[in-house]
Amino acid sequence: MDSQVFVHLFHILIVGALFLYVGIYRDKIFSNLFTVLYYLGIIIILYHIYKSYIYSKSGKSIWVNIIHILIIGPLLIIIGYNKEKTSRKFFEILLMLGFSSICYHLYYLFKK
């Protein structure tokens, strides 16, 4: 299987589903998931800093990495840190990102 197909399926089935679940159920999710989101945010930021460095050295575009570094990672950290006390707006943003992730990756999966 092509690595891009795997990336699209991962974002559709895992990332999109997780974001929708957390965005919909908000403070009703099990409390350990907040810890997972916190550390996942840190991992996403570090991973995409590394990828943006590698891509920029080879002349590739880093716009997707910047979105992960500046928006997605910090959002997961905020939700994970504040847990049930997280403001509704952050859950709404995560819900929008879940829909966006699914639609964006479905589009490129079927475009192949």
N, C-alpha and C. Protein backbone atom coordinates (compact mmCIF):
# COMPACT_ATOMS: atom_id res chain seq x y z
N MET A 1 0.85 -1.18 0.00
CA MET A 1 0.00 0.00 0.00
C MET A 1 0.90 1.24 0.00
N ASP A 2 0.53 2.21 -0.81
CA ASP A 2 1.25 3.48 -0.91
C ASP A 2 1.22 4.19 0.44
N SER A 3 2.32 4.83 0.84
CA SER A 3 2.39 5.50 2.14
C SER A 3 1.38 6.63 2.24
N GLN A 4 1.08 7.30 1.14
CA GLN A 4 0.08 8.37 1.18
C GLN A 4 -1.32 7.82 1.45
N VAL A 5 -1.61 6.65 0.93
CA VAL A 5 -2.91 6.02 1.20
C VAL A 5 -3.01 5.72 2.69
N PHE A 6 -1.93 5.23 3.27
CA PHE A 6 -1.93 4.95 4.71
C PHE A 6 -2.16 6.23 5.51
N VAL A 7 -1.50 7.31 5.13
CA VAL A 7 -1.66 8.59 5.82
C VAL A 7 -3.11 9.06 5.73
N HIS A 8 -3.71 8.96 4.55
CA HIS A 8 -5.11 9.37 4.37
C HIS A 8 -6.04 8.52 5.22
N LEU A 9 -5.86 7.21 5.18
CA LEU A 9 -6.72 6.32 5.97
C LEU A 9 -6.55 6.56 7.47
N PHE A 10 -5.32 6.77 7.91
CA PHE A 10 -5.06 7.06 9.32
C PHE A 10 -5.80 8.31 9.77
N HIS A 11 -5.74 9.36 8.95
CA HIS A 11 -6.40 10.61 9.32
C HIS A 11 -7.93 10.51 9.23
N ILE A 12 -8.43 9.68 8.34
CA ILE A 12 -9.88 9.51 8.23
C ILE A 12 -10.40 8.66 9.38
N LEU A 13 -9.80 7.49 9.58
CA LEU A 13 -10.34 6.51 10.53
C LEU A 13 -9.93 6.75 11.98
N ILE A 14 -8.74 7.24 12.22
CA ILE A 14 -8.25 7.39 13.59
C ILE A 14 -8.36 8.85 14.04
N VAL A 15 -7.68 9.74 13.36
CA VAL A 15 -7.62 11.14 13.78
C VAL A 15 -9.00 11.79 13.71
N GLY A 16 -9.64 11.68 12.55
CA GLY A 16 -10.97 12.28 12.40
C GLY A 16 -11.97 11.73 13.40
N ALA A 17 -11.96 10.42 13.58
CA ALA A 17 -12.88 9.80 14.53
C ALA A 17 -12.60 10.26 15.96
N LEU A 18 -11.34 10.33 16.35
CA LEU A 18 -10.98 10.79 17.69
C LEU A 18 -11.41 12.24 17.91
N PHE A 19 -11.15 13.09 16.94
CA PHE A 19 -11.52 14.50 17.07
C PHE A 19 -13.04 14.66 17.16
N LEU A 20 -13.78 13.91 16.35
CA LEU A 20 -15.24 13.98 16.42
C LEU A 20 -15.75 13.48 17.77
N TYR A 21 -15.20 12.38 18.24
CA TYR A 21 -15.62 11.81 19.53
C TYR A 21 -15.40 12.82 20.66
N VAL A 22 -14.19 13.37 20.73
CA VAL A 22 -13.88 14.33 21.80
C VAL A 22 -14.70 15.61 21.63
N GLY A 23 -14.84 16.08 20.40
CA GLY A 23 -15.60 17.29 20.15
C GLY A 23 -17.08 17.16 20.48
N ILE A 24 -17.64 15.99 20.26
CA ILE A 24 -19.06 15.77 20.53
C ILE A 24 -19.31 15.51 22.02
N TYR A 25 -18.53 14.63 22.62
CA TYR A 25 -18.79 14.22 24.00
C TYR A 25 -18.11 15.09 25.05
N ARG A 26 -17.16 15.91 24.64
CA ARG A 26 -16.50 16.93 25.46
C ARG A 26 -16.12 16.42 26.85
N ASP A 27 -16.78 16.94 27.87
CA ASP A 27 -16.41 16.61 29.25
C ASP A 27 -16.92 15.26 29.71
N LYS A 28 -17.60 14.53 28.84
CA LYS A 28 -18.13 13.21 29.20
C LYS A 28 -17.19 12.06 28.79
N ILE A 29 -16.06 12.40 28.15
CA ILE A 29 -15.12 11.35 27.76
C ILE A 29 -14.40 10.85 29.01
N PHE A 30 -13.84 9.65 28.94
CA PHE A 30 -13.14 9.14 30.12
C PHE A 30 -11.89 9.97 30.38
N SER A 31 -11.59 10.18 31.65
CA SER A 31 -10.58 11.17 32.05
C SER A 31 -9.18 10.84 31.55
N ASN A 32 -8.86 9.57 31.36
CA ASN A 32 -7.52 9.22 30.86
C ASN A 32 -7.29 9.71 29.44
N LEU A 33 -8.35 9.91 28.69
CA LEU A 33 -8.21 10.39 27.32
C LEU A 33 -7.67 11.82 27.30
N PHE A 34 -7.97 12.61 28.34
CA PHE A 34 -7.41 13.96 28.41
C PHE A 34 -5.88 13.91 28.50
N THR A 35 -5.37 12.97 29.28
CA THR A 35 -3.92 12.81 29.39
C THR A 35 -3.33 12.39 28.05
N VAL A 36 -4.00 11.49 27.37
CA VAL A 36 -3.55 11.05 26.04
C VAL A 36 -3.52 12.24 25.08
N LEU A 37 -4.54 13.07 25.11
CA LEU A 37 -4.58 14.24 24.22
C LEU A 37 -3.45 15.21 24.53
N TYR A 38 -3.16 15.40 25.81
CA TYR A 38 -2.08 16.30 26.21
C TYR A 38 -0.74 15.84 25.62
N TYR A 39 -0.41 14.58 25.85
CA TYR A 39 0.87 14.07 25.35
C TYR A 39 0.87 13.92 23.83
N LEU A 40 -0.27 13.62 23.25
CA LEU A 40 -0.37 13.54 21.80
C LEU A 40 -0.09 14.91 21.18
N GLY A 41 -0.57 15.97 21.81
CA GLY A 41 -0.28 17.32 21.34
C GLY A 41 1.20 17.62 21.33
N ILE A 42 1.88 17.22 22.40
CA ILE A 42 3.33 17.43 22.49
C ILE A 42 4.05 16.64 21.39
N ILE A 43 3.66 15.39 21.23
CA ILE A 43 4.29 14.53 20.21
C ILE A 43 4.06 15.10 18.81
N ILE A 44 2.85 15.57 18.55
CA ILE A 44 2.54 16.14 17.23
C ILE A 44 3.41 17.35 16.94
N ILE A 45 3.56 18.23 17.93
CA ILE A 45 4.39 19.42 17.74
C ILE A 45 5.83 19.02 17.45
N LEU A 46 6.38 18.14 18.27
CA LEU A 46 7.78 17.73 18.08
C LEU A 46 7.99 17.02 16.74
N TYR A 47 7.08 16.12 16.40
CA TYR A 47 7.19 15.38 15.14
C TYR A 47 7.14 16.33 13.94
N HIS A 48 6.24 17.29 13.97
CA HIS A 48 6.09 18.18 12.83
C HIS A 48 7.18 19.25 12.78
N ILE A 49 7.79 19.57 13.90
CA ILE A 49 8.98 20.43 13.86
C ILE A 49 10.09 19.67 13.13
N TYR A 50 10.26 18.41 13.47
CA TYR A 50 11.27 17.58 12.80
C TYR A 50 10.97 17.46 11.31
N LYS A 51 9.71 17.14 10.97
CA LYS A 51 9.35 16.98 9.56
C LYS A 51 9.51 18.28 8.78
N SER A 52 9.18 19.41 9.40
CA SER A 52 9.32 20.68 8.69
C SER A 52 10.79 21.00 8.44
N TYR A 53 11.65 20.62 9.37
CA TYR A 53 13.09 20.81 9.17
C TYR A 53 13.58 19.96 7.99
N ILE A 54 13.18 18.70 7.97
CA ILE A 54 13.58 17.79 6.88
C ILE A 54 13.02 18.28 5.55
N TYR A 55 11.75 18.66 5.53
CA TYR A 55 11.14 19.12 4.28
C TYR A 55 11.77 20.42 3.79
N SER A 56 12.04 21.34 4.70
CA SER A 56 12.60 22.62 4.26
C SER A 56 14.02 22.44 3.70
N LYS A 57 14.77 21.47 4.24
CA LYS A 57 16.11 21.20 3.70
C LYS A 57 16.04 20.65 2.28
N SER A 58 14.98 19.90 1.99
CA SER A 58 14.86 19.31 0.66
C SER A 58 13.99 20.15 -0.28
N GLY A 59 13.56 21.32 0.18
CA GLY A 59 12.80 22.22 -0.68
C GLY A 59 11.32 21.92 -0.78
N LYS A 60 10.81 21.03 0.06
CA LYS A 60 9.38 20.70 0.03
C LYS A 60 8.59 21.71 0.85
N SER A 61 7.30 21.76 0.59
CA SER A 61 6.40 22.66 1.31
C SER A 61 6.19 22.17 2.75
N ILE A 62 6.13 23.12 3.67
CA ILE A 62 5.94 22.75 5.08
C ILE A 62 4.63 23.29 5.66
N TRP A 63 3.70 23.73 4.81
CA TRP A 63 2.48 24.36 5.31
C TRP A 63 1.65 23.41 6.18
N VAL A 64 1.58 22.14 5.84
CA VAL A 64 0.82 21.19 6.65
C VAL A 64 1.48 21.02 8.02
N ASN A 65 2.80 21.01 8.05
CA ASN A 65 3.52 20.89 9.32
C ASN A 65 3.27 22.12 10.20
N ILE A 66 3.24 23.29 9.60
CA ILE A 66 3.00 24.52 10.35
C ILE A 66 1.60 24.49 10.98
N ILE A 67 0.62 24.01 10.26
CA ILE A 67 -0.74 23.89 10.81
C ILE A 67 -0.73 22.97 12.04
N HIS A 68 -0.01 21.86 11.96
CA HIS A 68 0.07 20.94 13.09
C HIS A 68 0.82 21.56 14.27
N ILE A 69 1.87 22.31 13.98
CA ILE A 69 2.68 22.92 15.04
C ILE A 69 1.94 24.06 15.74
N LEU A 70 1.25 24.89 14.98
CA LEU A 70 0.63 26.09 15.54
C LEU A 70 -0.82 25.94 15.96
N ILE A 71 -1.53 24.96 15.39
CA ILE A 71 -2.96 24.85 15.69
C ILE A 71 -3.31 23.52 16.37
N ILE A 72 -3.03 22.42 15.70
CA ILE A 72 -3.51 21.13 16.18
C ILE A 72 -2.83 20.71 17.48
N GLY A 73 -1.50 20.74 17.51
CA GLY A 73 -0.78 20.36 18.73
C GLY A 73 -1.17 21.20 19.93
N PRO A 74 -1.11 22.55 19.82
CA PRO A 74 -1.51 23.38 20.97
C PRO A 74 -2.96 23.16 21.40
N LEU A 75 -3.86 22.94 20.45
CA LEU A 75 -5.26 22.69 20.79
C LEU A 75 -5.40 21.43 21.63
N LEU A 76 -4.72 20.36 21.24
CA LEU A 76 -4.78 19.12 22.01
C LEU A 76 -4.18 19.30 23.40
N ILE A 77 -3.11 20.09 23.49
CA ILE A 77 -2.50 20.35 24.80
C ILE A 77 -3.46 21.14 25.69
N ILE A 78 -4.11 22.14 25.13
CA ILE A 78 -5.07 22.94 25.90
C ILE A 78 -6.19 22.06 26.43
N ILE A 79 -6.77 21.24 25.57
CA ILE A 79 -7.87 20.37 25.99
C ILE A 79 -7.38 19.35 27.01
N GLY A 80 -6.22 18.76 26.76
CA GLY A 80 -5.69 17.77 27.70
C GLY A 80 -5.33 18.36 29.04
N TYR A 81 -4.84 19.58 29.05
CA TYR A 81 -4.42 20.23 30.30
C TYR A 81 -5.63 20.67 31.13
N ASN A 82 -6.61 21.28 30.47
CA ASN A 82 -7.78 21.82 31.18
C ASN A 82 -8.86 20.77 31.47
N LYS A 83 -8.78 19.65 30.80
CA LYS A 83 -9.70 18.51 31.00
C LYS A 83 -11.16 18.95 30.92
N GLU A 84 -11.96 18.57 31.90
CA GLU A 84 -13.40 18.87 31.88
C GLU A 84 -13.69 20.37 31.95
N LYS A 85 -12.73 21.15 32.39
CA LYS A 85 -12.94 22.60 32.52
C LYS A 85 -12.63 23.36 31.23
N THR A 86 -12.28 22.64 30.18
CA THR A 86 -11.95 23.27 28.90
C THR A 86 -13.16 24.03 28.37
N SER A 87 -12.91 25.22 27.88
CA SER A 87 -13.97 26.04 27.30
C SER A 87 -14.58 25.33 26.08
N ARG A 88 -15.86 25.52 25.90
CA ARG A 88 -16.59 24.88 24.81
C ARG A 88 -15.98 25.20 23.44
N LYS A 89 -15.45 26.43 23.29
CA LYS A 89 -14.93 26.84 21.98
C LYS A 89 -13.80 25.94 21.50
N PHE A 90 -12.99 25.41 22.43
CA PHE A 90 -11.89 24.54 22.02
C PHE A 90 -12.41 23.19 21.53
N PHE A 91 -13.47 22.70 22.17
CA PHE A 91 -14.09 21.46 21.69
C PHE A 91 -14.74 21.67 20.32
N GLU A 92 -15.32 22.84 20.12
CA GLU A 92 -15.94 23.16 18.83
C GLU A 92 -14.87 23.22 17.72
N ILE A 93 -13.74 23.82 18.03
CA ILE A 93 -12.64 23.88 17.05
C ILE A 93 -12.16 22.48 16.71
N LEU A 94 -12.04 21.62 17.75
CA LEU A 94 -11.61 20.24 17.51
C LEU A 94 -12.63 19.50 16.65
N LEU A 95 -13.91 19.75 16.89
CA LEU A 95 -14.96 19.14 16.08
C LEU A 95 -14.84 19.57 14.62
N MET A 96 -14.60 20.86 14.39
CA MET A 96 -14.42 21.35 13.02
C MET A 96 -13.19 20.73 12.37
N LEU A 97 -12.11 20.60 13.14
CA LEU A 97 -10.90 19.97 12.60
C LEU A 97 -11.12 18.50 12.29
N GLY A 98 -11.97 17.82 13.08
CA GLY A 98 -12.30 16.43 12.80
C GLY A 98 -13.01 16.28 11.46
N PHE A 99 -14.04 17.12 11.25
CA PHE A 99 -14.74 17.10 9.96
C PHE A 99 -13.80 17.47 8.82
N SER A 100 -12.97 18.48 9.05
CA SER A 100 -12.02 18.91 8.02
C SER A 100 -11.03 17.81 7.66
N SER A 101 -10.53 17.14 8.67
CA SER A 101 -9.56 16.06 8.45
C SER A 101 -10.18 14.95 7.61
N ILE A 102 -11.38 14.55 7.97
CA ILE A 102 -12.05 13.47 7.24
C ILE A 102 -12.31 13.88 5.80
N CYS A 103 -12.86 15.06 5.59
CA CYS A 103 -13.19 15.50 4.23
C CYS A 103 -11.94 15.73 3.38
N TYR A 104 -10.94 16.38 3.95
CA TYR A 104 -9.70 16.65 3.22
C TYR A 104 -9.04 15.36 2.77
N HIS A 105 -8.93 14.40 3.68
CA HIS A 105 -8.23 13.15 3.34
C HIS A 105 -9.09 12.23 2.47
N LEU A 106 -10.41 12.29 2.61
CA LEU A 106 -11.26 11.54 1.68
C LEU A 106 -11.10 12.08 0.26
N TYR A 107 -11.07 13.39 0.14
CA TYR A 107 -10.90 14.01 -1.18
C TYR A 107 -9.62 13.52 -1.84
N TYR A 108 -8.50 13.60 -1.12
CA TYR A 108 -7.22 13.21 -1.71
C TYR A 108 -7.08 11.70 -1.87
N LEU A 109 -7.78 10.94 -1.05
CA LEU A 109 -7.76 9.49 -1.21
C LEU A 109 -8.46 9.09 -2.51
N PHE A 110 -9.62 9.71 -2.78
CA PHE A 110 -10.36 9.37 -3.99
C PHE A 110 -9.78 10.04 -5.23
N LYS A 111 -9.04 11.11 -5.03
CA LYS A 111 -8.41 11.79 -6.16
C LYS A 111 -7.29 10.94 -6.76
N LYS A 112 -6.66 10.09 -5.94
CA LYS A 112 -5.56 9.24 -6.42
C LYS A 112 -6.00 8.32 -7.50
